[in-house]
Protein backbone atom coordinates (compact mmCIF):
# COMPACT_ATOMS: atom_id res chain seq x y z
CA UNK A 1 39.28 8.15 49.23
CA UNK A 2 37.99 10.85 51.54
CA UNK A 3 34.61 12.40 51.99
CA UNK A 4 33.29 14.98 49.55
CA UNK A 5 30.70 17.62 50.49
CA UNK A 6 28.44 18.52 47.55
CA UNK A 7 26.15 21.56 47.56
CA UNK A 8 23.66 22.42 44.81
CA UNK A 9 24.11 26.07 43.84
CA UNK A 10 22.03 26.34 40.66
CA UNK A 11 18.55 25.21 39.73
CA UNK A 12 17.84 22.18 37.57
CA UNK A 13 15.06 23.97 35.69
CA UNK A 14 15.55 23.76 31.90
CA UNK A 15 18.25 21.10 32.28
CA UNK A 16 18.26 17.73 30.49
CA UNK A 17 16.50 14.90 32.30
CA UNK A 18 19.74 12.95 32.79
CA UNK A 19 21.23 15.88 34.74
CA UNK A 20 18.09 16.12 36.87
CA UNK A 21 18.29 12.39 37.58
CA UNK A 22 21.96 12.71 38.52
CA UNK A 23 21.14 15.42 41.06
CA UNK A 24 18.44 13.22 42.58
CA UNK A 25 20.84 10.25 42.69
CA UNK A 26 23.35 12.42 44.54
CA UNK A 27 20.65 13.27 47.11
CA UNK A 28 20.18 16.84 45.94
CA UNK A 29 17.09 18.53 44.54
CA UNK A 30 16.93 22.08 45.77
CA UNK A 31 19.35 24.96 45.91
CA UNK A 32 21.68 25.11 48.95
CA UNK A 33 21.07 21.48 49.93
CA UNK A 34 24.31 19.81 51.01
CA UNK A 35 25.17 16.10 51.17
CA UNK A 36 28.34 14.15 51.94
CA UNK A 37 29.58 11.21 49.89
CA UNK A 38 32.65 9.05 49.75
CA UNK A 39 34.96 10.10 46.92
CA UNK A 40 34.49 6.94 44.84
CA UNK A 41 34.99 6.98 41.06
CA UNK A 42 31.22 6.58 40.55
CA UNK A 43 30.40 9.60 42.69
CA UNK A 44 33.17 11.67 41.11
CA UNK A 45 31.75 10.88 37.65
CA UNK A 46 28.29 11.97 38.75
CA UNK A 47 29.71 15.21 40.15
CA UNK A 48 31.59 15.85 36.91
CA UNK A 49 28.35 15.46 34.94
CA UNK A 50 26.64 18.24 36.93
CA UNK A 51 29.70 20.30 37.93
CA UNK A 52 28.10 23.47 36.57
CA UNK A 53 25.21 23.08 39.05
CA UNK A 54 27.10 22.12 42.21
CA UNK A 55 29.95 23.21 44.46
CA UNK A 56 32.27 20.62 45.98
CA UNK A 57 34.69 20.67 48.88
CA UNK A 58 36.48 18.09 50.97
CA UNK A 59 34.79 17.22 54.23
């Protein structure tokens, strides 16, 4: 699979702890931070869990 660019666009304040942990595991933690990951099934599942907090695009 190709690379995926993930950007956090919303805050994790007042979110469940599992969503906060998922953001940290993705390498995010503050608004407008961007990271690149391979599009593996594990990463795609993590993105799906916090899709309301992030923006994704192909890199």
